[in-house]
Amino acid sequence: MKNSLKDIPNISSFVGIEFCTFLLKDNASEEDMIKCSSDMEQQFLSSEDGFLGHAILKGKDGLYVDLAFATSQEKAEEICGKWMENEFALKYLEFIESESVNISFWTRIK
C-alpha cells in the first residue's frame, strides 16, 4: 500500500495522537480529499515539530477517521491547533461535514 503507516519514519515512536471521526460533505470527492490531505501533509504537517505521520481510515456508512501521530499528546494538540491558520489544512477541512466532527487526543500507554 502506497503511503502506508509502515512507511512513515519513526512511527513506532509515537506517543500522542489526534483521533477525529468525520463524514464527507455530500458533494465532496474522496479522491480529491485524499489529494488535498497529501498536499497538507507535504506543505504543513511535515514541517511541524513533533509531527510523525498522518493517516485517513474509512469505515462503514461513510465514516472516516483522521489520525495524526506526534511525539506527545501535547504536540498533537498543538499541531491540531494550527489547522485553522494554515491554507492547506483549511482546504482539506472544506471536504468535511463540520457537524459530523468528533475529535479527541490520546496518549499511548503501551
N, C-alpha and C. Protein backbone atom coordinates (compact mmCIF):
# COMPACT_ATOMS: atom_id res chain seq x y z
N MET A 1 0.84 -1.18 0.00
CA MET A 1 0.00 0.00 0.00
C MET A 1 0.88 1.24 0.00
N LYS A 2 0.69 2.11 -0.92
CA LYS A 2 1.47 3.33 -1.00
C LYS A 2 1.13 4.23 0.19
N ASN A 3 2.15 4.85 0.76
CA ASN A 3 1.99 5.75 1.90
C ASN A 3 1.38 5.06 3.12
N SER A 4 1.69 3.80 3.33
CA SER A 4 1.15 3.11 4.48
C SER A 4 1.89 3.56 5.74
N LEU A 5 1.32 3.26 6.88
CA LEU A 5 1.92 3.68 8.14
C LEU A 5 3.32 3.11 8.32
N LYS A 6 3.56 1.90 7.82
CA LYS A 6 4.88 1.30 7.99
C LYS A 6 5.95 2.09 7.23
N ASP A 7 5.54 2.92 6.27
CA ASP A 7 6.48 3.73 5.51
C ASP A 7 6.79 5.07 6.18
N ILE A 8 6.12 5.36 7.29
CA ILE A 8 6.34 6.62 8.00
C ILE A 8 7.54 6.44 8.94
N PRO A 9 8.60 7.23 8.73
CA PRO A 9 9.77 7.10 9.60
C PRO A 9 9.40 7.36 11.07
N ASN A 10 9.92 6.57 11.94
CA ASN A 10 9.76 6.73 13.39
C ASN A 10 8.32 6.57 13.88
N ILE A 11 7.43 5.98 13.08
CA ILE A 11 6.03 5.86 13.52
C ILE A 11 5.91 5.05 14.80
N SER A 12 6.79 4.10 15.00
CA SER A 12 6.71 3.29 16.21
C SER A 12 7.03 4.08 17.47
N SER A 13 7.58 5.28 17.32
CA SER A 13 7.91 6.10 18.49
C SER A 13 6.80 7.07 18.87
N PHE A 14 5.63 6.97 18.22
CA PHE A 14 4.58 7.93 18.56
C PHE A 14 4.10 7.72 19.99
N VAL A 15 3.76 8.82 20.64
CA VAL A 15 3.20 8.78 21.99
C VAL A 15 1.83 9.45 22.00
N GLY A 16 1.66 10.50 21.20
CA GLY A 16 0.39 11.22 21.15
C GLY A 16 -0.29 11.04 19.81
N ILE A 17 -1.60 11.16 19.84
CA ILE A 17 -2.37 11.02 18.60
C ILE A 17 -3.61 11.92 18.64
N GLU A 18 -3.91 12.47 17.49
CA GLU A 18 -5.19 13.16 17.28
C GLU A 18 -6.07 12.14 16.58
N PHE A 19 -7.28 11.94 17.09
CA PHE A 19 -8.22 10.95 16.56
C PHE A 19 -9.51 11.68 16.27
N CYS A 20 -9.86 11.77 14.99
CA CYS A 20 -11.03 12.54 14.59
C CYS A 20 -11.89 11.74 13.63
N THR A 21 -13.17 11.57 13.98
CA THR A 21 -14.10 10.94 13.06
C THR A 21 -14.88 12.04 12.34
N PHE A 22 -15.24 11.76 11.09
CA PHE A 22 -15.98 12.76 10.31
C PHE A 22 -16.68 12.11 9.12
N LEU A 23 -17.59 12.85 8.52
CA LEU A 23 -18.23 12.48 7.27
C LEU A 23 -17.82 13.48 6.21
N LEU A 24 -17.75 13.02 4.98
CA LEU A 24 -17.51 13.94 3.87
C LEU A 24 -18.78 14.73 3.59
N LYS A 25 -18.62 15.95 3.08
CA LYS A 25 -19.78 16.70 2.62
C LYS A 25 -20.41 15.94 1.46
N ASP A 26 -21.69 16.12 1.25
CA ASP A 26 -22.43 15.40 0.22
C ASP A 26 -21.80 15.51 -1.16
N ASN A 27 -21.31 16.68 -1.51
CA ASN A 27 -20.76 16.90 -2.86
C ASN A 27 -19.25 16.70 -2.93
N ALA A 28 -18.64 16.21 -1.85
CA ALA A 28 -17.18 16.08 -1.80
C ALA A 28 -16.71 14.77 -2.42
N SER A 29 -15.59 14.84 -3.09
CA SER A 29 -14.97 13.66 -3.70
C SER A 29 -13.91 13.08 -2.76
N GLU A 30 -14.00 11.78 -2.50
CA GLU A 30 -13.00 11.13 -1.66
C GLU A 30 -11.61 11.26 -2.28
N GLU A 31 -11.52 11.08 -3.57
CA GLU A 31 -10.24 11.18 -4.28
C GLU A 31 -9.63 12.57 -4.12
N ASP A 32 -10.45 13.61 -4.26
CA ASP A 32 -9.96 14.98 -4.10
C ASP A 32 -9.55 15.26 -2.66
N MET A 33 -10.32 14.70 -1.71
CA MET A 33 -10.00 14.87 -0.29
C MET A 33 -8.64 14.26 0.02
N ILE A 34 -8.37 13.08 -0.53
CA ILE A 34 -7.09 12.41 -0.29
C ILE A 34 -5.93 13.21 -0.89
N LYS A 35 -6.13 13.74 -2.09
CA LYS A 35 -5.09 14.57 -2.71
C LYS A 35 -4.82 15.81 -1.86
N CYS A 36 -5.88 16.43 -1.39
CA CYS A 36 -5.74 17.62 -0.55
C CYS A 36 -5.03 17.28 0.76
N SER A 37 -5.32 16.11 1.30
CA SER A 37 -4.66 15.65 2.51
C SER A 37 -3.16 15.49 2.27
N SER A 38 -2.79 14.94 1.13
CA SER A 38 -1.37 14.77 0.80
C SER A 38 -0.67 16.12 0.68
N ASP A 39 -1.34 17.08 0.06
CA ASP A 39 -0.79 18.45 -0.03
C ASP A 39 -0.58 19.03 1.36
N MET A 40 -1.57 18.83 2.24
CA MET A 40 -1.48 19.35 3.60
C MET A 40 -0.30 18.72 4.34
N GLU A 41 -0.11 17.41 4.17
CA GLU A 41 1.00 16.73 4.83
C GLU A 41 2.34 17.29 4.37
N GLN A 42 2.47 17.48 3.06
CA GLN A 42 3.74 17.96 2.49
C GLN A 42 4.00 19.43 2.80
N GLN A 43 2.96 20.25 2.72
CA GLN A 43 3.14 21.70 2.84
C GLN A 43 2.97 22.24 4.25
N PHE A 44 2.45 21.45 5.15
CA PHE A 44 2.17 21.94 6.50
C PHE A 44 2.66 20.97 7.58
N LEU A 45 2.03 19.80 7.66
CA LEU A 45 2.31 18.90 8.78
C LEU A 45 3.76 18.46 8.86
N SER A 46 4.36 18.15 7.74
CA SER A 46 5.73 17.61 7.74
C SER A 46 6.76 18.58 8.32
N SER A 47 6.44 19.86 8.36
CA SER A 47 7.39 20.83 8.90
C SER A 47 7.12 21.16 10.37
N GLU A 48 6.10 20.56 10.95
CA GLU A 48 5.76 20.83 12.35
C GLU A 48 6.59 19.98 13.30
N ASP A 49 7.19 20.63 14.29
CA ASP A 49 7.98 19.95 15.31
C ASP A 49 7.10 18.96 16.06
N GLY A 50 7.52 17.72 16.15
CA GLY A 50 6.79 16.70 16.88
C GLY A 50 5.86 15.87 16.01
N PHE A 51 5.64 16.27 14.77
CA PHE A 51 4.76 15.51 13.87
C PHE A 51 5.48 14.26 13.38
N LEU A 52 4.79 13.11 13.42
CA LEU A 52 5.38 11.85 12.97
C LEU A 52 4.68 11.25 11.75
N GLY A 53 3.40 11.47 11.61
CA GLY A 53 2.69 10.87 10.49
C GLY A 53 1.21 11.18 10.51
N HIS A 54 0.57 10.88 9.39
CA HIS A 54 -0.86 11.17 9.23
C HIS A 54 -1.49 10.04 8.43
N ALA A 55 -2.70 9.67 8.79
CA ALA A 55 -3.42 8.63 8.07
C ALA A 55 -4.90 8.94 8.07
N ILE A 56 -5.59 8.44 7.06
CA ILE A 56 -7.04 8.54 6.98
C ILE A 56 -7.58 7.12 6.82
N LEU A 57 -8.58 6.79 7.62
CA LEU A 57 -9.23 5.49 7.56
C LEU A 57 -10.68 5.67 7.11
N LYS A 58 -11.22 4.65 6.47
CA LYS A 58 -12.63 4.69 6.07
C LYS A 58 -13.34 3.48 6.64
N GLY A 59 -14.45 3.74 7.29
CA GLY A 59 -15.24 2.66 7.88
C GLY A 59 -16.56 2.50 7.17
N LYS A 60 -17.49 1.89 7.87
CA LYS A 60 -18.83 1.67 7.33
C LYS A 60 -19.63 2.96 7.29
N ASP A 61 -20.61 2.98 6.44
CA ASP A 61 -21.57 4.08 6.36
C ASP A 61 -20.92 5.44 6.11
N GLY A 62 -19.78 5.45 5.41
CA GLY A 62 -19.15 6.71 5.03
C GLY A 62 -18.43 7.43 6.14
N LEU A 63 -18.18 6.77 7.26
CA LEU A 63 -17.46 7.39 8.37
C LEU A 63 -15.96 7.28 8.12
N TYR A 64 -15.26 8.38 8.33
CA TYR A 64 -13.81 8.44 8.16
C TYR A 64 -13.16 8.74 9.51
N VAL A 65 -11.89 8.38 9.61
CA VAL A 65 -11.08 8.72 10.77
C VAL A 65 -9.82 9.41 10.26
N ASP A 66 -9.50 10.53 10.86
CA ASP A 66 -8.26 11.25 10.58
C ASP A 66 -7.35 11.02 11.79
N LEU A 67 -6.15 10.50 11.55
CA LEU A 67 -5.18 10.23 12.61
C LEU A 67 -3.93 11.07 12.36
N ALA A 68 -3.48 11.75 13.37
CA ALA A 68 -2.21 12.47 13.29
C ALA A 68 -1.35 11.99 14.45
N PHE A 69 -0.21 11.42 14.12
CA PHE A 69 0.71 10.86 15.11
C PHE A 69 1.76 11.90 15.48
N ALA A 70 2.06 12.01 16.78
CA ALA A 70 3.02 13.00 17.25
C ALA A 70 3.88 12.42 18.38
N THR A 71 4.90 13.16 18.73
CA THR A 71 5.82 12.71 19.78
C THR A 71 5.20 12.77 21.17
N SER A 72 4.09 13.50 21.32
CA SER A 72 3.37 13.56 22.59
C SER A 72 1.93 14.01 22.33
N GLN A 73 1.06 13.78 23.30
CA GLN A 73 -0.31 14.24 23.17
C GLN A 73 -0.33 15.77 23.08
N GLU A 74 0.52 16.41 23.85
CA GLU A 74 0.59 17.88 23.82
C GLU A 74 0.98 18.39 22.44
N LYS A 75 1.94 17.71 21.79
CA LYS A 75 2.35 18.10 20.44
C LYS A 75 1.20 17.88 19.45
N ALA A 76 0.48 16.78 19.59
CA ALA A 76 -0.67 16.52 18.71
C ALA A 76 -1.70 17.64 18.84
N GLU A 77 -1.98 18.06 20.07
CA GLU A 77 -2.93 19.14 20.31
C GLU A 77 -2.40 20.46 19.75
N GLU A 78 -1.13 20.73 19.95
CA GLU A 78 -0.51 21.96 19.46
C GLU A 78 -0.58 22.04 17.93
N ILE A 79 -0.23 20.96 17.28
CA ILE A 79 -0.27 20.93 15.81
C ILE A 79 -1.70 21.11 15.31
N CYS A 80 -2.63 20.40 15.92
CA CYS A 80 -4.03 20.50 15.52
C CYS A 80 -4.55 21.93 15.72
N GLY A 81 -4.07 22.60 16.73
CA GLY A 81 -4.48 23.97 17.00
C GLY A 81 -4.08 24.95 15.90
N LYS A 82 -3.16 24.55 15.05
CA LYS A 82 -2.69 25.42 13.96
C LYS A 82 -3.46 25.22 12.66
N TRP A 83 -4.31 24.20 12.61
CA TRP A 83 -5.01 23.88 11.37
C TRP A 83 -5.83 25.06 10.84
N MET A 84 -6.49 25.79 11.72
CA MET A 84 -7.37 26.88 11.29
C MET A 84 -6.60 28.09 10.78
N GLU A 85 -5.29 28.06 10.90
CA GLU A 85 -4.44 29.16 10.43
C GLU A 85 -3.64 28.78 9.19
N ASN A 86 -3.80 27.56 8.70
CA ASN A 86 -2.99 27.09 7.59
C ASN A 86 -3.83 26.88 6.35
N GLU A 87 -3.42 27.47 5.23
CA GLU A 87 -4.21 27.40 4.00
C GLU A 87 -4.41 25.97 3.49
N PHE A 88 -3.41 25.10 3.65
CA PHE A 88 -3.54 23.73 3.18
C PHE A 88 -4.47 22.92 4.07
N ALA A 89 -4.42 23.14 5.36
CA ALA A 89 -5.34 22.47 6.28
C ALA A 89 -6.77 22.95 6.04
N LEU A 90 -6.94 24.24 5.81
CA LEU A 90 -8.28 24.77 5.56
C LEU A 90 -8.88 24.19 4.28
N LYS A 91 -8.07 23.97 3.27
CA LYS A 91 -8.57 23.35 2.03
C LYS A 91 -9.03 21.91 2.30
N TYR A 92 -8.27 21.19 3.11
CA TYR A 92 -8.64 19.83 3.49
C TYR A 92 -9.96 19.83 4.27
N LEU A 93 -10.09 20.76 5.19
CA LEU A 93 -11.28 20.83 6.03
C LEU A 93 -12.54 21.16 5.23
N GLU A 94 -12.39 21.76 4.06
CA GLU A 94 -13.54 22.08 3.21
C GLU A 94 -14.30 20.83 2.77
N PHE A 95 -13.66 19.67 2.79
CA PHE A 95 -14.29 18.42 2.39
C PHE A 95 -15.13 17.80 3.51
N ILE A 96 -14.95 18.28 4.72
CA ILE A 96 -15.52 17.64 5.91
C ILE A 96 -16.81 18.32 6.35
N GLU A 97 -17.81 17.50 6.63
CA GLU A 97 -19.07 18.00 7.17
C GLU A 97 -18.82 18.38 8.63
N SER A 98 -18.78 19.67 8.91
CA SER A 98 -18.35 20.15 10.23
C SER A 98 -19.22 19.64 11.37
N GLU A 99 -20.51 19.44 11.12
CA GLU A 99 -21.40 18.96 12.19
C GLU A 99 -21.10 17.51 12.57
N SER A 100 -20.37 16.80 11.73
CA SER A 100 -20.09 15.38 11.99
C SER A 100 -18.79 15.15 12.75
N VAL A 101 -18.00 16.19 12.93
CA VAL A 101 -16.66 16.05 13.51
C VAL A 101 -16.72 15.69 14.99
N ASN A 102 -15.93 14.69 15.35
CA ASN A 102 -15.74 14.30 16.75
C ASN A 102 -14.23 14.10 16.92
N ILE A 103 -13.59 15.02 17.60
CA ILE A 103 -12.14 15.00 17.73
C ILE A 103 -11.73 14.77 19.18
N SER A 104 -10.66 13.98 19.34
CA SER A 104 -10.12 13.74 20.68
C SER A 104 -8.62 13.51 20.55
N PHE A 105 -7.93 13.60 21.68
CA PHE A 105 -6.48 13.43 21.72
C PHE A 105 -6.15 12.34 22.73
N TRP A 106 -5.12 11.56 22.39
CA TRP A 106 -4.81 10.38 23.17
C TRP A 106 -3.31 10.29 23.43
N THR A 107 -2.96 9.63 24.55
CA THR A 107 -1.58 9.33 24.89
C THR A 107 -1.40 7.83 24.88
N ARG A 108 -0.36 7.38 24.20
CA ARG A 108 -0.06 5.96 24.15
C ARG A 108 0.49 5.51 25.50
N ILE A 109 -0.04 4.41 26.04
CA ILE A 109 0.42 3.92 27.34
C ILE A 109 1.11 2.56 27.22
N LYS A 110 1.09 1.95 26.07
CA LYS A 110 1.76 0.67 25.86
C LYS A 110 2.36 0.63 24.48
